[in-house]
Amino acid sequence: MPTDASSAQPPEPILIGPEAARRLLLLSDLQTALARLGIRSVLARTHRLVLRPPTAPCAPSGQTNPRLHIFTPAGTTVATTDGTAYHLASGHDCPAADPAAAATLIRDHAATHVAALR
């Protein structure tokens, strides 16, 4: 684990309450669409807790971008959203307005990956 602070990745931004709730709702819509296709997933929220020393300014504490962990025959993948699109670990993006299309893309991508391994 690197100890040099300059090599550390910047922390994810803190989401304000309504934005965090909106992203959770969008990911739960995707989770429902995936369940209809028989694909299991788990929605995870992450909170960053910053302990503030009295002498140094620190980044705020709060909820960061939620993630949907998706379990397919090809393995586990992750989806996030910025509120307008679903961002998949495969590099694909899908409009958040159409969770069924995103779920179909995830299923088809997993099927293609599994078929390529055979």
PDB file of N, CA and C in Angstrom:
ATOM      1  N   MET A   1       0.851  -1.177   0.000  1.00  0.00           N
ATOM      2  CA  MET A   1       0.000   0.000   0.000  1.00  0.00           C
ATOM      3  C   MET A   1       0.889   1.230   0.000  1.00  0.00           C
ATOM      4  N   PRO A   2       0.664   2.164  -0.950  1.00  0.00           N
ATOM      5  CA  PRO A   2       1.524   3.338  -1.005  1.00  0.00           C
ATOM      6  C   PRO A   2       1.293   4.244   0.186  1.00  0.00           C
ATOM      7  N   THR A   3       2.390   4.806   0.653  1.00  0.00           N
ATOM      8  CA  THR A   3       2.295   5.732   1.780  1.00  0.00           C
ATOM      9  C   THR A   3       2.433   7.170   1.323  1.00  0.00           C
ATOM     10  N   ASP A   4       2.836   7.370   0.086  1.00  0.00           N
ATOM     11  CA  ASP A   4       3.003   8.711  -0.460  1.00  0.00           C
ATOM     12  C   ASP A   4       1.631   9.280  -0.808  1.00  0.00           C
ATOM     13  N   ALA A   5       1.238  10.360  -0.148  1.00  0.00           N
ATOM     14  CA  ALA A   5      -0.087  10.950  -0.356  1.00  0.00           C
ATOM     15  C   ALA A   5      -0.287  11.416  -1.791  1.00  0.00           C
ATOM     16  N   SER A   6       0.795  11.760  -2.492  1.00  0.00           N
ATOM     17  CA  SER A   6       0.657  12.239  -3.870  1.00  0.00           C
ATOM     18  C   SER A   6       0.266  11.121  -4.821  1.00  0.00           C
ATOM     19  N   SER A   7       0.493   9.860  -4.467  1.00  0.00           N
ATOM     20  CA  SER A   7       0.139   8.745  -5.342  1.00  0.00           C
ATOM     21  C   SER A   7      -1.269   8.227  -5.079  1.00  0.00           C
ATOM     22  N   ALA A   8      -1.926   8.720  -4.049  1.00  0.00           N
ATOM     23  CA  ALA A   8      -3.278   8.266  -3.729  1.00  0.00           C
ATOM     24  C   ALA A   8      -4.278   8.876  -4.704  1.00  0.00           C
ATOM     25  N   GLN A   9      -5.342   8.107  -4.996  1.00  0.00           N
ATOM     26  CA  GLN A   9      -6.394   8.607  -5.865  1.00  0.00           C
ATOM     27  C   GLN A   9      -7.240   9.611  -5.088  1.00  0.00           C
ATOM     28  N   PRO A  10      -7.765  10.624  -5.775  1.00  0.00           N
ATOM     29  CA  PRO A  10      -8.615  11.580  -5.067  1.00  0.00           C
ATOM     30  C   PRO A  10      -9.900  10.886  -4.614  1.00  0.00           C
ATOM     31  N   PRO A  11     -10.432  11.294  -3.475  1.00  0.00           N
ATOM     32  CA  PRO A  11     -11.658  10.650  -2.994  1.00  0.00           C
ATOM     33  C   PRO A  11     -12.840  10.991  -3.891  1.00  0.00           C
ATOM     34  N   GLU A  12     -13.817  10.064  -3.919  1.00  0.00           N
ATOM     35  CA  GLU A  12     -15.032  10.334  -4.673  1.00  0.00           C
ATOM     36  C   GLU A  12     -15.744  11.528  -4.057  1.00  0.00           C
ATOM     37  N   PRO A  13     -16.437  12.303  -4.884  1.00  0.00           N
ATOM     38  CA  PRO A  13     -17.153  13.454  -4.321  1.00  0.00           C
ATOM     39  C   PRO A  13     -18.307  13.006  -3.424  1.00  0.00           C
ATOM     40  N   ILE A  14     -18.608  13.844  -2.458  1.00  0.00           N
ATOM     41  CA  ILE A  14     -19.746  13.609  -1.571  1.00  0.00           C
ATOM     42  C   ILE A  14     -21.009  14.067  -2.295  1.00  0.00           C
ATOM     43  N   LEU A  15     -22.045  13.241  -2.253  1.00  0.00           N
ATOM     44  CA  LEU A  15     -23.322  13.583  -2.877  1.00  0.00           C
ATOM     45  C   LEU A  15     -24.241  14.227  -1.841  1.00  0.00           C
ATOM     46  N   ILE A  16     -24.934  15.250  -2.255  1.00  0.00           N
ATOM     47  CA  ILE A  16     -25.927  15.887  -1.396  1.00  0.00           C
ATOM     48  C   ILE A  16     -27.143  14.953  -1.327  1.00  0.00           C
ATOM     49  N   GLY A  17     -27.844  14.924  -0.199  1.00  0.00           N
ATOM     50  CA  GLY A  17     -28.947  14.004   0.061  1.00  0.00           C
ATOM     51  C   GLY A  17     -29.862  13.684  -1.106  1.00  0.00           C
ATOM     52  N   PRO A  18     -30.498  14.676  -1.750  1.00  0.00           N
ATOM     53  CA  PRO A  18     -31.414  14.362  -2.845  1.00  0.00           C
ATOM     54  C   PRO A  18     -30.720  13.702  -4.040  1.00  0.00           C
ATOM     55  N   GLU A  19     -29.488  14.098  -4.331  1.00  0.00           N
ATOM     56  CA  GLU A  19     -28.764  13.492  -5.458  1.00  0.00           C
ATOM     57  C   GLU A  19     -28.424  12.040  -5.154  1.00  0.00           C
ATOM     58  N   ALA A  20     -28.006  11.752  -3.943  1.00  0.00           N
ATOM     59  CA  ALA A  20     -27.709  10.369  -3.553  1.00  0.00           C
ATOM     60  C   ALA A  20     -28.965   9.513  -3.656  1.00  0.00           C
ATOM     61  N   ALA A  21     -30.093  10.033  -3.193  1.00  0.00           N
ATOM     62  CA  ALA A  21     -31.352   9.290  -3.254  1.00  0.00           C
ATOM     63  C   ALA A  21     -31.783   9.051  -4.699  1.00  0.00           C
ATOM     64  N   ARG A  22     -31.592  10.039  -5.552  1.00  0.00           N
ATOM     65  CA  ARG A  22     -31.964   9.895  -6.968  1.00  0.00           C
ATOM     66  C   ARG A  22     -31.135   8.809  -7.643  1.00  0.00           C
ATOM     67  N   ARG A  23     -29.836   8.785  -7.359  1.00  0.00           N
ATOM     68  CA  ARG A  23     -28.975   7.763  -7.961  1.00  0.00           C
ATOM     69  C   ARG A  23     -29.313   6.373  -7.427  1.00  0.00           C
ATOM     70  N   LEU A  24     -29.632   6.289  -6.146  1.00  0.00           N
ATOM     71  CA  LEU A  24     -30.048   4.998  -5.588  1.00  0.00           C
ATOM     72  C   LEU A  24     -31.312   4.498  -6.268  1.00  0.00           C
ATOM     73  N   LEU A  25     -32.256   5.383  -6.509  1.00  0.00           N
ATOM     74  CA  LEU A  25     -33.501   5.009  -7.171  1.00  0.00           C
ATOM     75  C   LEU A  25     -33.251   4.520  -8.593  1.00  0.00           C
ATOM     76  N   LEU A  26     -32.390   5.211  -9.320  1.00  0.00           N
ATOM     77  CA  LEU A  26     -32.067   4.785 -10.685  1.00  0.00           C
ATOM     78  C   LEU A  26     -31.398   3.410 -10.699  1.00  0.00           C
ATOM     79  N   LEU A  27     -30.482   3.188  -9.756  1.00  0.00           N
ATOM     80  CA  LEU A  27     -29.829   1.881  -9.693  1.00  0.00           C
ATOM     81  C   LEU A  27     -30.798   0.794  -9.240  1.00  0.00           C
ATOM     82  N   SER A  28     -31.763   1.140  -8.391  1.00  0.00           N
ATOM     83  CA  SER A  28     -32.756   0.129  -7.992  1.00  0.00           C
ATOM     84  C   SER A  28     -33.669  -0.207  -9.171  1.00  0.00           C
ATOM     85  N   ASP A  29     -33.926   0.756 -10.071  1.00  0.00           N
ATOM     86  CA  ASP A  29     -34.676   0.462 -11.301  1.00  0.00           C
ATOM     87  C   ASP A  29     -33.907  -0.530 -12.174  1.00  0.00           C
ATOM     88  N   LEU A  30     -32.598  -0.338 -12.275  1.00  0.00           N
ATOM     89  CA  LEU A  30     -31.764  -1.276 -13.034  1.00  0.00           C
ATOM     90  C   LEU A  30     -31.757  -2.638 -12.354  1.00  0.00           C
ATOM     91  N   GLN A  31     -31.693  -2.656 -11.039  1.00  0.00           N
ATOM     92  CA  GLN A  31     -31.714  -3.912 -10.293  1.00  0.00           C
ATOM     93  C   GLN A  31     -33.009  -4.687 -10.571  1.00  0.00           C
ATOM     94  N   THR A  32     -34.125  -3.990 -10.609  1.00  0.00           N
ATOM     95  CA  THR A  32     -35.415  -4.622 -10.910  1.00  0.00           C
ATOM     96  C   THR A  32     -35.425  -5.184 -12.324  1.00  0.00           C
ATOM     97  N   ALA A  33     -34.911  -4.424 -13.286  1.00  0.00           N
ATOM     98  CA  ALA A  33     -34.852  -4.891 -14.671  1.00  0.00           C
ATOM     99  C   ALA A  33     -33.950  -6.120 -14.797  1.00  0.00           C
ATOM    100  N   LEU A  34     -32.844  -6.129 -14.073  1.00  0.00           N
ATOM    101  CA  LEU A  34     -31.958  -7.296 -14.095  1.00  0.00           C
ATOM    102  C   LEU A  34     -32.644  -8.514 -13.474  1.00  0.00           C
ATOM    103  N   ALA A  35     -33.364  -8.313 -12.388  1.00  0.00           N
ATOM    104  CA  ALA A  35     -34.067  -9.421 -11.726  1.00  0.00           C
ATOM    105  C   ALA A  35     -35.091 -10.045 -12.672  1.00  0.00           C
ATOM    106  N   ARG A  36     -35.736  -9.234 -13.486  1.00  0.00           N
ATOM    107  CA  ARG A  36     -36.700  -9.759 -14.467  1.00  0.00           C
ATOM    108  C   ARG A  36     -36.030 -10.666 -15.484  1.00  0.00           C
ATOM    109  N   LEU A  37     -34.731 -10.460 -15.694  1.00  0.00           N
ATOM    110  CA  LEU A  37     -33.965 -11.314 -16.615  1.00  0.00           C
ATOM    111  C   LEU A  37     -33.268 -12.462 -15.893  1.00  0.00           C
ATOM    112  N   GLY A  38     -33.506 -12.575 -14.595  1.00  0.00           N
ATOM    113  CA  GLY A  38     -32.901 -13.656 -13.815  1.00  0.00           C
ATOM    114  C   GLY A  38     -31.478 -13.374 -13.375  1.00  0.00           C
ATOM    115  N   ILE A  39     -31.081 -12.117 -13.380  1.00  0.00           N
ATOM    116  CA  ILE A  39     -29.719 -11.740 -12.985  1.00  0.00           C
ATOM    117  C   ILE A  39     -29.765 -11.124 -11.596  1.00  0.00           C
ATOM    118  N   ARG A  40     -28.965 -11.682 -10.701  1.00  0.00           N
ATOM    119  CA  ARG A  40     -28.916 -11.179  -9.318  1.00  0.00           C
ATOM    120  C   ARG A  40     -27.962 -10.002  -9.208  1.00  0.00           C
ATOM    121  N   SER A  41     -28.292  -9.104  -8.274  1.00  0.00           N
ATOM    122  CA  SER A  41     -27.437  -7.950  -8.034  1.00  0.00           C
ATOM    123  C   SER A  41     -27.662  -7.436  -6.615  1.00  0.00           C
ATOM    124  N   VAL A  42     -26.703  -6.657  -6.151  1.00  0.00           N
ATOM    125  CA  VAL A  42     -26.762  -6.088  -4.805  1.00  0.00           C
ATOM    126  C   VAL A  42     -26.432  -4.607  -4.909  1.00  0.00           C
ATOM    127  N   LEU A  43     -27.287  -3.779  -4.343  1.00  0.00           N
ATOM    128  CA  LEU A  43     -27.085  -2.336  -4.333  1.00  0.00           C
ATOM    129  C   LEU A  43     -26.303  -1.958  -3.079  1.00  0.00           C
ATOM    130  N   ALA A  44     -25.212  -1.231  -3.268  1.00  0.00           N
ATOM    131  CA  ALA A  44     -24.347  -0.859  -2.137  1.00  0.00           C
ATOM    132  C   ALA A  44     -24.176   0.649  -2.065  1.00  0.00           C
ATOM    133  N   ARG A  45     -24.369   1.174  -0.870  1.00  0.00           N
ATOM    134  CA  ARG A  45     -24.109   2.588  -0.614  1.00  0.00           C
ATOM    135  C   ARG A  45     -22.796   2.685   0.142  1.00  0.00           C
ATOM    136  N   THR A  46     -22.083   3.755  -0.101  1.00  0.00           N
ATOM    137  CA  THR A  46     -20.815   3.973   0.582  1.00  0.00           C
ATOM    138  C   THR A  46     -20.831   5.360   1.216  1.00  0.00           C
ATOM    139  N   HIS A  47     -20.425   5.400   2.461  1.00  0.00           N
ATOM    140  CA  HIS A  47     -20.296   6.667   3.172  1.00  0.00           C
ATOM    141  C   HIS A  47     -18.820   6.874   3.488  1.00  0.00           C
ATOM    142  N   ARG A  48     -18.338   8.053   3.195  1.00  0.00           N
ATOM    143  CA  ARG A  48     -16.959   8.386   3.561  1.00  0.00           C
ATOM    144  C   ARG A  48     -17.009   9.136   4.885  1.00  0.00           C
ATOM    145  N   LEU A  49     -16.242   8.656   5.823  1.00  0.00           N
ATOM    146  CA  LEU A  49     -16.162   9.289   7.138  1.00  0.00           C
ATOM    147  C   LEU A  49     -14.776   9.884   7.287  1.00  0.00           C
ATOM    148  N   VAL A  50     -14.731  11.173   7.495  1.00  0.00           N
ATOM    149  CA  VAL A  50     -13.467  11.873   7.672  1.00  0.00           C
ATOM    150  C   VAL A  50     -13.394  12.349   9.114  1.00  0.00           C
ATOM    151  N   LEU A  51     -12.381  11.896   9.806  1.00  0.00           N
ATOM    152  CA  LEU A  51     -12.142  12.367  11.170  1.00  0.00           C
ATOM    153  C   LEU A  51     -11.291  13.620  11.063  1.00  0.00           C
ATOM    154  N   ARG A  52     -11.807  14.711  11.530  1.00  0.00           N
ATOM    155  CA  ARG A  52     -11.150  16.004  11.351  1.00  0.00           C
ATOM    156  C   ARG A  52     -10.231  16.334  12.529  1.00  0.00           C
ATOM    157  N   PRO A  53      -8.951  16.424  12.252  1.00  0.00           N
ATOM    158  CA  PRO A  53      -8.073  16.928  13.311  1.00  0.00           C
ATOM    159  C   PRO A  53      -8.325  18.426  13.477  1.00  0.00           C
ATOM    160  N   PRO A  54      -8.174  18.941  14.671  1.00  0.00           N
ATOM    161  CA  PRO A  54      -8.515  20.344  14.908  1.00  0.00           C
ATOM    162  C   PRO A  54      -7.632  21.337  14.154  1.00  0.00           C
ATOM    163  N   THR A  55      -6.472  20.908  13.665  1.00  0.00           N
ATOM    164  CA  THR A  55      -5.546  21.866  13.059  1.00  0.00           C
ATOM    165  C   THR A  55      -5.464  21.782  11.538  1.00  0.00           C
ATOM    166  N   ALA A  56      -6.118  20.818  10.906  1.00  0.00           N
ATOM    167  CA  ALA A  56      -5.975  20.651   9.464  1.00  0.00           C
ATOM    168  C   ALA A  56      -7.341  20.590   8.778  1.00  0.00           C
ATOM    169  N   PRO A  57      -7.494  21.293   7.637  1.00  0.00           N
ATOM    170  CA  PRO A  57      -8.757  21.190   6.899  1.00  0.00           C
ATOM    171  C   PRO A  57      -8.839  19.828   6.204  1.00  0.00           C
ATOM    172  N   CYS A  58     -10.033  19.257   6.160  1.00  0.00           N
ATOM    173  CA  CYS A  58     -10.244  17.944   5.543  1.00  0.00           C
ATOM    174  C   CYS A  58     -11.467  17.997   4.638  1.00  0.00           C
ATOM    175  N   ALA A  59     -11.519  17.029   3.760  1.00  0.00           N
ATOM    176  CA  ALA A  59     -12.700  16.881   2.910  1.00  0.00           C
ATOM    177  C   ALA A  59     -13.896  16.515   3.780  1.00  0.00           C
ATOM    178  N   PRO A  60     -15.102  16.800   3.324  1.00  0.00           N
ATOM    179  CA  PRO A  60     -16.288  16.505   4.126  1.00  0.00           C
ATOM    180  C   PRO A  60     -16.605  15.008   4.177  1.00  0.00           C
ATOM    181  N   SER A  61     -17.386  14.622   5.161  1.00  0.00           N
ATOM    182  CA  SER A  61     -17.921  13.269   5.258  1.00  0.00           C
ATOM    183  C   SER A  61     -19.274  13.231   4.559  1.00  0.00           C
ATOM    184  N   GLY A  62     -19.692  12.058   4.125  1.00  0.00           N
ATOM    185  CA  GLY A  62     -21.010  11.914   3.524  1.00  0.00           C
ATOM    186  C   GLY A  62     -21.078  10.753   2.557  1.00  0.00           C
ATOM    187  N   GLN A  63     -22.231  10.624   1.921  1.00  0.00           N
ATOM    188  CA  GLN A  63     -22.470   9.515   1.006  1.00  0.00           C
ATOM    189  C   GLN A  63     -21.803   9.771  -0.338  1.00  0.00           C
ATOM    190  N   THR A  64     -21.135   8.741  -0.862  1.00  0.00           N
ATOM    191  CA  THR A  64     -20.528   8.818  -2.184  1.00  0.00           C
ATOM    192  C   THR A  64     -21.412   8.062  -3.174  1.00  0.00           C
ATOM    193  N   ASN A  65     -20.956   7.961  -4.397  1.00  0.00           N
ATOM    194  CA  ASN A  65     -21.743   7.347  -5.461  1.00  0.00           C
ATOM    195  C   ASN A  65     -22.079   5.888  -5.138  1.00  0.00           C
ATOM    196  N   PRO A  66     -23.368   5.519  -5.152  1.00  0.00           N
ATOM    197  CA  PRO A  66     -23.728   4.125  -4.908  1.00  0.00           C
ATOM    198  C   PRO A  66     -23.317   3.244  -6.087  1.00  0.00           C
ATOM    199  N   ARG A  67     -23.210   1.949  -5.833  1.00  0.00           N
ATOM    200  CA  ARG A  67     -22.810   0.978  -6.859  1.00  0.00           C
ATOM    201  C   ARG A  67     -23.768  -0.198  -6.845  1.00  0.00           C
ATOM    202  N   LEU A  68     -24.035  -0.714  -8.039  1.00  0.00           N
ATOM    203  CA  LEU A  68     -24.824  -1.935  -8.174  1.00  0.00           C
ATOM    204  C   LEU A  68     -23.869  -3.038  -8.593  1.00  0.00           C
ATOM    205  N   HIS A  69     -23.675  -4.011  -7.717  1.00  0.00           N
ATOM    206  CA  HIS A  69     -22.811  -5.161  -8.009  1.00  0.00           C
ATOM    207  C   HIS A  69     -23.682  -6.222  -8.667  1.00  0.00           C
ATOM    208  N   ILE A  70     -23.299  -6.627  -9.887  1.00  0.00           N
ATOM    209  CA  ILE A  70     -24.115  -7.491 -10.727  1.00  0.00           C
ATOM    210  C   ILE A  70     -23.401  -8.822 -10.904  1.00  0.00           C
ATOM    211  N   PHE A  71     -24.131  -9.911 -10.636  1.00  0.00           N
ATOM    212  CA  PHE A  71     -23.557 -11.258 -10.682  1.00  0.00           C
ATOM    213  C   PHE A  71     -24.074 -11.983 -11.920  1.00  0.00           C
ATOM    214  N   THR A  72     -23.199 -12.156 -12.907  1.00  0.00           N
ATOM    215  CA  THR A  72     -23.556 -12.833 -14.156  1.00  0.00           C
ATOM    216  C   THR A  72     -22.728 -14.109 -14.290  1.00  0.00           C
ATOM    217  N   PRO A  73     -23.097 -14.986 -15.221  1.00  0.00           N
ATOM    218  CA  PRO A  73     -22.275 -16.176 -15.447  1.00  0.00           C
ATOM    219  C   PRO A  73     -20.835 -15.846 -15.858  1.00  0.00           C
ATOM    220  N   ALA A  74     -20.624 -14.658 -16.398  1.00  0.00           N
ATOM    221  CA  ALA A  74     -19.285 -14.238 -16.812  1.00  0.00           C
ATOM    222  C   ALA A  74     -18.480 -13.658 -15.660  1.00  0.00           C
ATOM    223  N   GLY A  75     -19.120 -13.454 -14.512  1.00  0.00           N
ATOM    224  CA  GLY A  75     -18.441 -12.884 -13.362  1.00  0.00           C
ATOM    225  C   GLY A  75     -19.199 -11.691 -12.813  1.00  0.00           C
ATOM    226  N   THR A  76     -18.579 -11.031 -11.863  1.00  0.00           N
ATOM    227  CA  THR A  76     -19.202  -9.875 -11.222  1.00  0.00           C
ATOM    228  C   THR A  76     -18.782  -8.598 -11.938  1.00  0.00           C
ATOM    229  N   THR A  77     -19.733  -7.718 -12.128  1.00  0.00           N
ATOM    230  CA  THR A  77     -19.451  -6.416 -12.709  1.00  0.00           C
ATOM    231  C   THR A  77     -20.146  -5.360 -11.860  1.00  0.00           C
ATOM    232  N   VAL A  78     -19.847  -4.104 -12.120  1.00  0.00           N
ATOM    233  CA  VAL A  78     -20.388  -3.009 -11.320  1.00  0.00           C
ATOM    234  C   VAL A  78     -21.000  -1.967 -12.248  1.00  0.00           C
ATOM    235  N   ALA A  79     -22.133  -1.413 -11.814  1.00  0.00           N
ATOM    236  CA  ALA A  79     -22.762  -0.302 -12.530  1.00  0.00           C
ATOM    237  C   ALA A  79     -22.901   0.876 -11.573  1.00  0.00           C
ATOM    238  N   THR A  80     -22.692   2.059 -12.100  1.00  0.00           N
ATOM    239  CA  THR A  80     -22.928   3.296 -11.366  1.00  0.00           C
ATOM    240  C   THR A  80     -23.786   4.189 -12.256  1.00  0.00           C
ATOM    241  N   THR A  81     -24.211   5.309 -11.717  1.00  0.00           N
ATOM    242  CA  THR A  81     -24.942   6.279 -12.525  1.00  0.00           C
ATOM    243  C   THR A  81     -24.577   7.688 -12.089  1.00  0.00           C
ATOM    244  N   ASP A  82     -24.667   8.591 -13.047  1.00  0.00           N
ATOM    245  CA  ASP A  82     -24.498  10.008 -12.737  1.00  0.00           C
ATOM    246  C   ASP A  82     -25.846  10.718 -12.770  1.00  0.00           C
ATOM    247  N   GLY A  83     -26.904   9.940 -12.937  1.00  0.00           N
ATOM    248  CA  GLY A  83     -28.249  10.489 -13.002  1.00  0.00           C
ATOM    249  C   GLY A  83     -28.793  10.575 -14.412  1.00  0.00           C
ATOM    250  N   THR A  84     -27.916  10.542 -15.407  1.00  0.00           N
ATOM    251  CA  THR A  84     -28.374  10.588 -16.797  1.00  0.00           C
ATOM    252  C   THR A  84     -28.067   9.297 -17.540  1.00  0.00           C
ATOM    253  N   ALA A  85     -27.034   8.572 -17.101  1.00  0.00           N
ATOM    254  CA  ALA A  85     -26.638   7.333 -17.766  1.00  0.00           C
ATOM    255  C   ALA A  85     -26.166   6.323 -16.733  1.00  0.00           C
ATOM    256  N   TYR A  86     -26.295   5.050 -17.100  1.00  0.00           N
ATOM    257  CA  TYR A  86     -25.683   3.978 -16.319  1.00  0.00           C
ATOM    258  C   TYR A  86     -24.285   3.775 -16.886  1.00  0.00           C
ATOM    259  N   HIS A  87     -23.295   3.701 -16.021  1.00  0.00           N
ATOM    260  CA  HIS A  87     -21.919   3.475 -16.437  1.00  0.00           C
ATOM    261  C   HIS A  87     -21.531   2.073 -15.980  1.00  0.00           C
ATOM    262  N   LEU A  88     -21.190   1.229 -16.938  1.00  0.00           N
ATOM    263  CA  LEU A  88     -20.861  -0.160 -16.646  1.00  0.00           C
ATOM    264  C   LEU A  88     -19.352  -0.344 -16.627  1.00  0.00           C
ATOM    265  N   ALA A  89     -18.897  -1.287 -15.820  1.00  0.00           N
ATOM    266  CA  ALA A  89     -17.462  -1.548 -15.702  1.00  0.00           C
ATOM    267  C   ALA A  89     -16.860  -1.973 -17.037  1.00  0.00           C
ATOM    268  N   SER A  90     -17.682  -2.506 -17.941  1.00  0.00           N
ATOM    269  CA  SER A  90     -17.214  -2.926 -19.266  1.00  0.00           C
ATOM    270  C   SER A  90     -16.850  -1.731 -20.143  1.00  0.00           C
ATOM    271  N   GLY A  91     -17.215  -0.517 -19.689  1.00  0.00           N
ATOM    272  CA  GLY A  91     -16.962   0.677 -20.475  1.00  0.00           C
ATOM    273  C   GLY A  91     -18.187   1.161 -21.230  1.00  0.00           C
ATOM    274  N   HIS A  92     -19.237   0.359 -21.244  1.00  0.00           N
ATOM    275  CA  HIS A  92     -20.480   0.758 -21.913  1.00  0.00           C
ATOM    276  C   HIS A  92     -21.258   1.747 -21.047  1.00  0.00           C
ATOM    277  N   ASP A  93     -21.972   2.634 -21.697  1.00  0.00           N
ATOM    278  CA  ASP A  93     -22.900   3.546 -21.041  1.00  0.00           C
ATOM    279  C   ASP A  93     -24.270   3.343 -21.658  1.00  0.00           C
ATOM    280  N   CYS A  94     -25.308   3.439 -20.820  1.00  0.00           N
ATOM    281  CA  CYS A  94     -26.690   3.299 -21.276  1.00  0.00           C
ATOM    282  C   CYS A  94     -27.511   4.418 -20.655  1.00  0.00           C
ATOM    283  N   PRO A  95     -28.497   4.939 -21.380  1.00  0.00           N
ATOM    284  CA  PRO A  95     -29.345   5.981 -20.804  1.00  0.00           C
ATOM    285  C   PRO A  95     -30.059   5.477 -19.546  1.00  0.00           C
ATOM    286  N   ALA A  96     -30.050   6.284 -18.504  1.00  0.00           N
ATOM    287  CA  ALA A  96     -30.707   5.907 -17.254  1.00  0.00           C
ATOM    288  C   ALA A  96     -32.221   5.887 -17.403  1.00  0.00           C
ATOM    289  N   ALA A  97     -32.733   6.515 -18.450  1.00  0.00           N
ATOM    290  CA  ALA A  97     -34.175   6.526 -18.689  1.00  0.00           C
ATOM    291  C   ALA A  97     -34.687   5.167 -19.164  1.00  0.00           C
ATOM    292  N   ASP A  98     -33.779   4.233 -19.519  1.00  0.00           N
ATOM    293  CA  ASP A  98     -34.193   2.928 -20.035  1.00  0.00           C
ATOM    294  C   ASP A  98     -33.436   1.799 -19.327  1.00  0.00           C
ATOM    295  N   PRO A  99     -33.813   1.495 -18.069  1.00  0.00           N
ATOM    296  CA  PRO A  99     -33.104   0.436 -17.347  1.00  0.00           C
ATOM    297  C   PRO A  99     -33.265  -0.942 -17.988  1.00  0.00           C
ATOM    298  N   ALA A 100     -34.375  -1.183 -18.681  1.00  0.00           N
ATOM    299  CA  ALA A 100     -34.562  -2.482 -19.338  1.00  0.00           C
ATOM    300  C   ALA A 100     -33.521  -2.686 -20.441  1.00  0.00           C
ATOM    301  N   ALA A 101     -33.232  -1.649 -21.203  1.00  0.00           N
ATOM    302  CA  ALA A 101     -32.211  -1.746 -22.253  1.00  0.00           C
ATOM    303  C   ALA A 101     -30.830  -1.966 -21.646  1.00  0.00           C
ATOM    304  N   ALA A 102     -30.547  -1.299 -20.539  1.00  0.00           N
ATOM    305  CA  ALA A 102     -29.261  -1.487 -19.862  1.00  0.00           C
ATOM    306  C   ALA A 102     -29.139  -2.919 -19.354  1.00  0.00           C
ATOM    307  N   ALA A 103     -30.218  -3.450 -18.787  1.00  0.00           N
ATOM    308  CA  ALA A 103     -30.203  -4.828 -18.284  1.00  0.00           C
ATOM    309  C   ALA A 103     -29.979  -5.816 -19.428  1.00  0.00           C
ATOM    310  N   THR A 104     -30.619  -5.576 -20.560  1.00  0.00           N
ATOM    311  CA  THR A 104     -30.431  -6.449 -21.725  1.00  0.00           C
ATOM    312  C   THR A 104     -28.998  -6.387 -22.217  1.00  0.00           C
ATOM    313  N   LEU A 105     -28.406  -5.202 -22.243  1.00  0.00           N
ATOM    314  CA  LEU A 105     -27.009  -5.064 -22.654  1.00  0.00           C
ATOM    315  C   LEU A 105     -26.090  -5.847 -21.712  1.00  0.00           C
ATOM    316  N   ILE A 106     -26.339  -5.751 -20.412  1.00  0.00           N
ATOM    317  CA  ILE A 106     -25.523  -6.470 -19.427  1.00  0.00           C
ATOM    318  C   ILE A 106     -25.650  -7.977 -19.645  1.00  0.00           C
ATOM    319  N   ARG A 107     -26.889  -8.457 -19.834  1.00  0.00           N
ATOM    320  CA  ARG A 107     -27.111  -9.887 -20.070  1.00  0.00           C
ATOM    321  C   ARG A 107     -26.408 -10.346 -21.341  1.00  0.00           C
ATOM    322  N   ASP A 108     -26.571  -9.578 -22.430  1.00  0.00           N
ATOM    323  CA  ASP A 108     -25.977  -9.965 -23.714  1.00  0.00           C
ATOM    324  C   ASP A 108     -24.456  -9.912 -23.658  1.00  0.00           C
ATOM    325  N   HIS A 109     -23.910  -8.929 -22.970  1.00  0.00           N
ATOM    326  CA  HIS A 109     -22.449  -8.830 -22.834  1.00  0.00           C
ATOM    327  C   HIS A 109     -21.912 -10.029 -22.057  1.00  0.00           C
ATOM    328  N   ALA A 110     -22.612 -10.419 -21.003  1.00  0.00           N
ATOM    329  CA  ALA A 110     -22.183 -11.585 -20.214  1.00  0.00           C
ATOM    330  C   ALA A 110     -22.272 -12.858 -21.045  1.00  0.00           C
ATOM    331  N   ALA A 111     -23.339 -13.002 -21.832  1.00  0.00           N
ATOM    332  CA  ALA A 111     -23.508 -14.202 -22.670  1.00  0.00           C
ATOM    333  C   ALA A 111     -22.411 -14.280 -23.727  1.00  0.00           C
ATOM    334  N   THR A 112     -22.062 -13.148 -24.310  1.00  0.00           N
ATOM    335  CA  THR A 112     -20.994 -13.118 -25.309  1.00  0.00           C
ATOM    336  C   THR A 112     -19.655 -13.496 -24.685  1.00  0.00           C
ATOM    337  N   HIS A 113     -19.418 -12.979 -23.479  1.00  0.00           N
ATOM    338  CA  HIS A 113     -18.166 -13.273 -22.789  1.00  0.00           C
ATOM    339  C   HIS A 113     -18.072 -14.765 -22.446  1.00  0.00           C
ATOM    340  N   VAL A 114     -19.157 -15.338 -21.962  1.00  0.00           N
ATOM    341  CA  VAL A 114     -19.166 -16.763 -21.614  1.00  0.00           C
ATOM    342  C   VAL A 114     -18.972 -17.614 -22.861  1.00  0.00           C
ATOM    343  N   ALA A 115     -19.636 -17.245 -23.968  1.00  0.00           N
ATOM    344  CA  ALA A 115     -19.502 -18.005 -25.216  1.00  0.00           C
ATOM    345  C   ALA A 115     -18.070 -17.941 -25.748  1.00  0.00           C
ATOM    346  N   ALA A 116     -17.401 -16.821 -25.567  1.00  0.00           N
ATOM    347  CA  ALA A 116     -16.022 -16.683 -26.031  1.00  0.00           C
ATOM    348  C   ALA A 116     -15.064 -17.559 -25.229  1.00  0.00           C
ATOM    349  N   LEU A 117     -15.431 -17.873 -24.001  1.00  0.00           N
ATOM    350  CA  LEU A 117     -14.565 -18.711 -23.162  1.00  0.00           C
ATOM    351  C   LEU A 117     -14.685 -20.187 -23.509  1.00  0.00           C
ATOM    352  N   ARG A 118     -15.719 -20.557 -24.219  1.00  0.00           N
ATOM    353  CA  ARG A 118     -15.932 -21.979 -24.555  1.00  0.00           C
ATOM    354  C   ARG A 118     -15.167 -22.416 -25.751  1.00  0.00           C
TER     355      ARG A 118
END
